[in-house]
Amino acid sequence: MDVVSDGVLLLLERLRPNVVALVDAFDFTDEDLQSVLGRYDGNVYESLYQWASSSPLNSTQVANVSRHVVLCFEF
């Protein structure tokens, strides 16, 4: 299995410099890729913030317990 893994890593290493051009050649939209990174318009951080804000994981308020967590790990 190491031979296969090493071969895959070698191919990925050789492919990496051309990945953006290859993906662009397929003309996928940002929505098709469902990614906030590598955006065509370059607005990565704005998009990431908007995506995180609309995520169901962020729809409820979370209790601030950081003080208690820090106290647990102080020695």
N, C-alpha and C. Protein backbone atom coordinates (compact mmCIF):
# COMPACT_ATOMS: atom_id res chain seq x y z
N MET A 1 0.82 -1.20 0.00
CA MET A 1 0.00 0.00 0.00
C MET A 1 0.86 1.25 0.00
N ASP A 2 2.06 1.18 0.55
CA ASP A 2 2.95 2.33 0.57
C ASP A 2 3.33 2.77 -0.83
N VAL A 3 3.47 1.83 -1.76
CA VAL A 3 3.81 2.17 -3.14
C VAL A 3 2.69 2.99 -3.77
N VAL A 4 1.45 2.59 -3.52
CA VAL A 4 0.30 3.31 -4.06
C VAL A 4 0.21 4.70 -3.44
N SER A 5 0.34 4.78 -2.13
CA SER A 5 0.28 6.08 -1.44
C SER A 5 1.39 7.01 -1.93
N ASP A 6 2.59 6.47 -2.05
CA ASP A 6 3.71 7.28 -2.55
C ASP A 6 3.45 7.75 -3.97
N GLY A 7 2.87 6.88 -4.80
CA GLY A 7 2.56 7.25 -6.18
C GLY A 7 1.51 8.35 -6.25
N VAL A 8 0.49 8.25 -5.40
CA VAL A 8 -0.56 9.27 -5.37
C VAL A 8 0.04 10.60 -4.92
N LEU A 9 0.86 10.58 -3.88
CA LEU A 9 1.48 11.82 -3.40
C LEU A 9 2.38 12.45 -4.46
N LEU A 10 3.10 11.63 -5.20
CA LEU A 10 3.95 12.14 -6.27
C LEU A 10 3.12 12.79 -7.38
N LEU A 11 2.03 12.13 -7.76
CA LEU A 11 1.16 12.69 -8.79
C LEU A 11 0.51 13.99 -8.31
N LEU A 12 0.07 14.03 -7.07
CA LEU A 12 -0.53 15.26 -6.54
C LEU A 12 0.48 16.40 -6.52
N GLU A 13 1.71 16.07 -6.17
CA GLU A 13 2.77 17.08 -6.15
C GLU A 13 3.00 17.66 -7.54
N ARG A 14 2.97 16.80 -8.54
CA ARG A 14 3.18 17.26 -9.93
C ARG A 14 1.97 18.01 -10.47
N LEU A 15 0.79 17.65 -9.99
CA LEU A 15 -0.44 18.26 -10.46
C LEU A 15 -0.72 19.62 -9.81
N ARG A 16 -0.24 19.79 -8.60
CA ARG A 16 -0.58 20.97 -7.80
C ARG A 16 -0.38 22.31 -8.52
N PRO A 17 0.72 22.56 -9.21
CA PRO A 17 0.89 23.87 -9.85
C PRO A 17 -0.17 24.18 -10.92
N ASN A 18 -0.86 23.16 -11.42
CA ASN A 18 -1.82 23.36 -12.50
C ASN A 18 -3.27 23.19 -12.08
N VAL A 19 -3.52 22.98 -10.80
CA VAL A 19 -4.87 22.66 -10.34
C VAL A 19 -5.85 23.80 -10.62
N VAL A 20 -5.47 25.02 -10.33
CA VAL A 20 -6.38 26.15 -10.54
C VAL A 20 -6.75 26.25 -12.01
N ALA A 21 -5.78 26.14 -12.89
CA ALA A 21 -6.06 26.22 -14.33
C ALA A 21 -6.95 25.06 -14.78
N LEU A 22 -6.73 23.87 -14.24
CA LEU A 22 -7.56 22.72 -14.62
C LEU A 22 -9.01 22.91 -14.17
N VAL A 23 -9.20 23.39 -12.95
CA VAL A 23 -10.57 23.62 -12.45
C VAL A 23 -11.22 24.73 -13.26
N ASP A 24 -10.48 25.80 -13.54
CA ASP A 24 -11.02 26.90 -14.34
C ASP A 24 -11.42 26.43 -15.73
N ALA A 25 -10.70 25.47 -16.28
CA ALA A 25 -11.00 24.97 -17.62
C ALA A 25 -12.37 24.30 -17.69
N PHE A 26 -12.84 23.74 -16.58
CA PHE A 26 -14.16 23.13 -16.55
C PHE A 26 -15.27 24.17 -16.39
N ASP A 27 -14.89 25.41 -16.09
CA ASP A 27 -15.83 26.53 -15.97
C ASP A 27 -16.91 26.29 -14.92
N PHE A 28 -16.52 25.67 -13.80
CA PHE A 28 -17.45 25.50 -12.69
C PHE A 28 -17.68 26.86 -12.04
N THR A 29 -18.91 27.12 -11.61
CA THR A 29 -19.19 28.33 -10.86
C THR A 29 -18.82 28.09 -9.40
N ASP A 30 -18.74 29.19 -8.64
CA ASP A 30 -18.46 29.05 -7.20
C ASP A 30 -19.55 28.23 -6.53
N GLU A 31 -20.77 28.38 -6.99
CA GLU A 31 -21.89 27.62 -6.43
C GLU A 31 -21.75 26.12 -6.74
N ASP A 32 -21.29 25.80 -7.96
CA ASP A 32 -21.08 24.39 -8.32
C ASP A 32 -20.06 23.74 -7.38
N LEU A 33 -19.02 24.47 -7.08
CA LEU A 33 -17.96 23.93 -6.23
C LEU A 33 -18.35 23.93 -4.76
N GLN A 34 -19.37 24.69 -4.41
CA GLN A 34 -19.82 24.81 -3.03
C GLN A 34 -18.65 25.10 -2.10
N SER A 35 -17.87 26.08 -2.50
CA SER A 35 -16.70 26.45 -1.73
C SER A 35 -16.64 27.95 -1.56
N VAL A 36 -16.26 28.39 -0.37
CA VAL A 36 -16.06 29.81 -0.16
C VAL A 36 -14.61 30.20 -0.40
N LEU A 37 -13.76 29.21 -0.54
CA LEU A 37 -12.35 29.46 -0.83
C LEU A 37 -12.11 29.35 -2.33
N GLY A 38 -11.11 30.04 -2.81
CA GLY A 38 -10.78 29.98 -4.23
C GLY A 38 -11.85 30.61 -5.09
N ARG A 39 -12.48 31.65 -4.58
CA ARG A 39 -13.57 32.30 -5.29
C ARG A 39 -13.07 33.02 -6.52
N TYR A 40 -13.89 33.01 -7.53
CA TYR A 40 -13.55 33.66 -8.79
C TYR A 40 -13.41 35.16 -8.61
N ASP A 41 -14.27 35.76 -7.75
CA ASP A 41 -14.24 37.21 -7.57
C ASP A 41 -13.19 37.66 -6.56
N GLY A 42 -12.53 36.71 -5.87
CA GLY A 42 -11.48 37.04 -4.93
C GLY A 42 -11.95 37.45 -3.55
N ASN A 43 -13.26 37.48 -3.32
CA ASN A 43 -13.80 37.91 -2.02
C ASN A 43 -13.89 36.73 -1.05
N VAL A 44 -12.76 36.15 -0.75
CA VAL A 44 -12.73 34.94 0.08
C VAL A 44 -13.22 35.22 1.49
N TYR A 45 -12.67 36.23 2.14
CA TYR A 45 -12.98 36.45 3.55
C TYR A 45 -14.41 36.94 3.75
N GLU A 46 -14.88 37.81 2.87
CA GLU A 46 -16.26 38.27 2.96
C GLU A 46 -17.22 37.11 2.78
N SER A 47 -16.92 36.26 1.83
CA SER A 47 -17.77 35.10 1.55
C SER A 47 -17.72 34.10 2.70
N LEU A 48 -16.54 33.88 3.25
CA LEU A 48 -16.40 32.95 4.37
C LEU A 48 -17.20 33.43 5.58
N TYR A 49 -17.15 34.75 5.85
CA TYR A 49 -17.91 35.31 6.96
C TYR A 49 -19.41 35.15 6.71
N GLN A 50 -19.85 35.45 5.50
CA GLN A 50 -21.27 35.32 5.16
C GLN A 50 -21.72 33.86 5.28
N TRP A 51 -20.91 32.93 4.79
CA TRP A 51 -21.23 31.51 4.85
C TRP A 51 -21.34 31.05 6.31
N ALA A 52 -20.36 31.46 7.13
CA ALA A 52 -20.39 31.06 8.54
C ALA A 52 -21.59 31.67 9.26
N SER A 53 -21.93 32.90 8.93
CA SER A 53 -23.06 33.56 9.57
C SER A 53 -24.38 32.87 9.26
N SER A 54 -24.49 32.30 8.07
CA SER A 54 -25.74 31.66 7.68
C SER A 54 -25.78 30.16 8.00
N SER A 55 -24.70 29.64 8.55
CA SER A 55 -24.64 28.22 8.89
C SER A 55 -25.58 27.91 10.06
N PRO A 56 -26.32 26.80 9.98
CA PRO A 56 -27.19 26.41 11.09
C PRO A 56 -26.43 26.23 12.41
N LEU A 57 -25.16 25.91 12.34
CA LEU A 57 -24.36 25.75 13.56
C LEU A 57 -24.22 27.06 14.32
N ASN A 58 -24.38 28.17 13.62
CA ASN A 58 -24.23 29.48 14.25
C ASN A 58 -25.56 30.18 14.46
N SER A 59 -26.65 29.45 14.44
CA SER A 59 -27.97 30.08 14.55
C SER A 59 -28.42 30.26 15.99
N THR A 60 -27.71 29.68 16.94
CA THR A 60 -28.09 29.83 18.34
C THR A 60 -26.93 30.45 19.12
N GLN A 61 -27.28 31.10 20.21
CA GLN A 61 -26.27 31.71 21.07
C GLN A 61 -25.59 30.61 21.89
N VAL A 62 -24.29 30.69 22.01
CA VAL A 62 -23.53 29.71 22.78
C VAL A 62 -23.08 30.38 24.07
N ALA A 63 -23.21 29.67 25.17
CA ALA A 63 -22.79 30.21 26.46
C ALA A 63 -21.29 30.45 26.48
N ASN A 64 -20.89 31.54 27.10
CA ASN A 64 -19.47 31.86 27.21
C ASN A 64 -18.89 31.10 28.40
N VAL A 65 -18.22 30.02 28.11
CA VAL A 65 -17.63 29.18 29.17
C VAL A 65 -16.12 29.19 29.13
N SER A 66 -15.55 30.08 28.33
CA SER A 66 -14.10 30.07 28.16
C SER A 66 -13.36 30.29 29.48
N ARG A 67 -13.89 31.13 30.36
CA ARG A 67 -13.24 31.36 31.64
C ARG A 67 -13.15 30.07 32.44
N HIS A 68 -14.22 29.29 32.42
CA HIS A 68 -14.25 28.03 33.16
C HIS A 68 -13.31 27.00 32.55
N VAL A 69 -13.22 27.00 31.24
CA VAL A 69 -12.33 26.06 30.57
C VAL A 69 -10.89 26.39 30.91
N VAL A 70 -10.54 27.68 30.90
CA VAL A 70 -9.17 28.08 31.24
C VAL A 70 -8.84 27.67 32.66
N LEU A 71 -9.77 27.86 33.58
CA LEU A 71 -9.53 27.47 34.97
C LEU A 71 -9.27 25.98 35.12
N CYS A 72 -9.90 25.17 34.30
CA CYS A 72 -9.71 23.71 34.36
C CYS A 72 -8.30 23.31 33.94
N PHE A 73 -7.68 24.12 33.08
CA PHE A 73 -6.38 23.74 32.55
C PHE A 73 -5.21 24.47 33.20
N GLU A 74 -5.48 25.32 34.16
CA GLU A 74 -4.39 25.98 34.87
C GLU A 74 -3.79 25.02 35.87
N PHE A 75 -2.48 25.03 35.96
CA PHE A 75 -1.78 24.12 36.87
C PHE A 75 -1.15 24.87 37.99
